[in-house]
């Protein structure tokens, strides 16, 4: 089992920055990809970014390319999401997720169904 805990959310204004953290524990060795998703009220869960636990391959959702950056601290089992130039449309609950070697073979990184492990979410609110 993998446990994930997000932190770092808050309320900011447009063009501000935030850095979210996802701290992982448990059997992370069996996980292939860590990802960030977000969900706004009344909206489906949206893929934000992903990174391999080993190696540096990253992917980003179209809406955040050039503004957000995902990174990893292997020593601490922490995944970060650096969010720059935030806009009101970025307002959402942000979730950290982890896949398994088995689920990684079934579908791409953009699909929530790939990830059996999820954090509790952290709220990001961006004013105008």
Protein backbone atom coordinates (compact mmCIF):
# COMPACT_ATOMS: atom_id res chain seq x y z
CA UNK A 1 0.00 0.00 0.00
CA UNK A 2 1.04 3.57 -0.69
CA UNK A 3 -0.03 6.53 1.40
CA UNK A 4 -0.02 10.03 -0.06
CA UNK A 5 -0.43 13.34 1.74
CA UNK A 6 -0.67 16.68 -0.07
CA UNK A 7 0.16 20.06 1.38
CA UNK A 8 0.88 23.59 0.25
CA UNK A 9 -2.47 24.75 -1.03
CA UNK A 10 -3.91 28.12 -0.21
CA UNK A 11 -5.54 31.26 -1.51
CA UNK A 12 -3.56 33.50 -3.83
CA UNK A 13 -4.12 36.12 -6.48
CA UNK A 14 -3.70 35.86 -10.22
CA UNK A 15 -0.08 35.66 -11.37
CA UNK A 16 1.05 34.39 -7.96
CA UNK A 17 2.85 31.11 -7.37
CA UNK A 18 2.38 28.12 -5.11
CA UNK A 19 4.30 24.92 -4.57
CA UNK A 20 2.36 21.82 -3.64
CA UNK A 21 3.99 18.85 -1.97
CA UNK A 22 2.99 15.21 -1.99
CA UNK A 23 4.67 13.04 0.61
CA UNK A 24 4.59 9.32 -0.10
CA UNK A 25 5.04 6.41 2.26
CA UNK A 26 4.53 2.69 2.13
CA UNK A 27 5.48 0.47 -0.79
CA UNK A 28 6.44 3.19 -3.21
CA UNK A 29 8.93 0.85 -4.83
CA UNK A 30 5.99 -0.80 -6.58
CA UNK A 31 4.82 2.50 -8.06
CA UNK A 32 5.88 3.66 -11.50
CA UNK A 33 4.39 7.13 -11.90
CA UNK A 34 3.28 9.89 -9.57
CA UNK A 35 0.76 12.38 -10.87
CA UNK A 36 -1.19 15.47 -9.97
CA UNK A 37 -4.84 15.82 -10.82
CA UNK A 38 -7.26 18.60 -10.03
CA UNK A 39 -10.99 18.83 -9.72
CA UNK A 40 -13.07 21.98 -9.69
CA UNK A 41 -16.69 22.02 -8.50
CA UNK A 42 -18.95 20.45 -11.09
CA UNK A 43 -16.03 19.37 -13.25
CA UNK A 44 -14.40 16.05 -13.97
CA UNK A 45 -11.04 15.25 -12.50
CA UNK A 46 -8.39 16.74 -14.79
CA UNK A 47 -4.85 15.53 -15.40
CA UNK A 48 -2.26 18.15 -14.47
CA UNK A 49 1.18 16.54 -14.54
CA UNK A 50 3.05 13.29 -14.00
CA UNK A 51 6.57 12.13 -13.29
CA UNK A 52 8.23 8.76 -13.02
CA UNK A 53 9.42 7.74 -9.58
CA UNK A 54 12.63 6.65 -11.29
CA UNK A 55 13.90 8.78 -14.11
CA UNK A 56 12.76 12.23 -15.14
CA UNK A 57 10.12 11.72 -17.80
CA UNK A 58 7.31 14.22 -17.28
CA UNK A 59 3.99 15.00 -18.93
CA UNK A 60 1.69 17.97 -18.54
CA UNK A 61 -1.88 18.78 -19.26
CA UNK A 62 -2.38 21.29 -22.05
CA UNK A 63 -3.85 23.90 -19.74
CA UNK A 64 -0.76 24.08 -17.51
CA UNK A 65 2.10 23.63 -19.97
CA UNK A 66 4.69 26.34 -19.52
CA UNK A 67 3.32 27.40 -16.15
CA UNK A 68 3.53 24.34 -13.90
CA UNK A 69 6.49 22.09 -13.19
CA UNK A 70 6.50 18.71 -11.51
CA UNK A 71 9.60 17.44 -9.73
CA UNK A 72 10.69 14.77 -7.29
CA UNK A 73 12.88 14.47 -4.21
CA UNK A 74 13.92 10.83 -4.10
CA UNK A 75 15.53 11.03 -0.66
CA UNK A 76 12.28 12.20 0.92
CA UNK A 77 9.78 10.46 -1.39
CA UNK A 78 8.21 13.80 -2.10
CA UNK A 79 6.69 14.99 -5.36
CA UNK A 80 6.26 18.70 -5.94
CA UNK A 81 4.07 20.75 -8.18
CA UNK A 82 5.41 24.24 -8.76
CA UNK A 83 2.59 26.42 -10.01
CA UNK A 84 3.44 29.77 -11.55
CA UNK A 85 1.33 32.45 -13.17
CA UNK A 86 -1.76 31.09 -11.48
CA UNK A 87 -5.12 32.05 -12.93
CA UNK A 88 -8.64 31.86 -11.53
CA UNK A 89 -9.34 28.86 -13.74
CA UNK A 90 -6.66 26.97 -11.81
CA UNK A 91 -8.89 27.01 -8.75
CA UNK A 92 -9.54 23.41 -7.74
CA UNK A 93 -8.75 20.71 -5.26
CA UNK A 94 -5.41 19.24 -6.23
CA UNK A 95 -4.79 15.54 -5.69
CA UNK A 96 -1.62 13.52 -5.72
CA UNK A 97 -1.86 10.01 -7.13
CA UNK A 98 0.36 6.97 -7.58
CA UNK A 99 0.01 4.03 -9.91
CA UNK A 100 1.37 0.48 -9.68
CA UNK A 101 3.48 -1.49 -12.09
CA UNK A 102 0.37 -3.42 -13.00
CA UNK A 103 -1.94 -0.48 -13.66
CA UNK A 104 0.80 1.33 -15.55
CA UNK A 105 0.58 -1.29 -18.28
CA UNK A 106 -3.14 -0.75 -18.80
CA UNK A 107 -3.49 2.91 -19.72
CA UNK A 108 -1.76 6.24 -20.11
CA UNK A 109 -0.84 8.74 -17.43
CA UNK A 110 -3.79 11.05 -18.11
CA UNK A 111 -6.41 8.59 -16.91
CA UNK A 112 -7.46 8.60 -13.25
CA UNK A 113 -8.25 4.90 -13.50
CA UNK A 114 -4.53 4.24 -13.70
CA UNK A 115 -4.00 5.30 -10.10
CA UNK A 116 -5.17 3.21 -7.14
CA UNK A 117 -3.57 5.50 -4.57
CA UNK A 118 -4.74 9.04 -3.88
CA UNK A 119 -4.10 11.73 -1.33
CA UNK A 120 -6.83 13.65 0.44
CA UNK A 121 -6.44 16.72 -1.74
CA UNK A 122 -5.37 20.28 -1.06
CA UNK A 123 -7.41 23.33 -2.01
CA UNK A 124 -5.97 25.95 -4.33
CA UNK A 125 -7.98 29.13 -4.77
CA UNK A 126 -6.89 31.84 -7.19
CA UNK A 127 -8.56 35.22 -7.11
CA UNK A 128 -8.52 37.80 -9.84
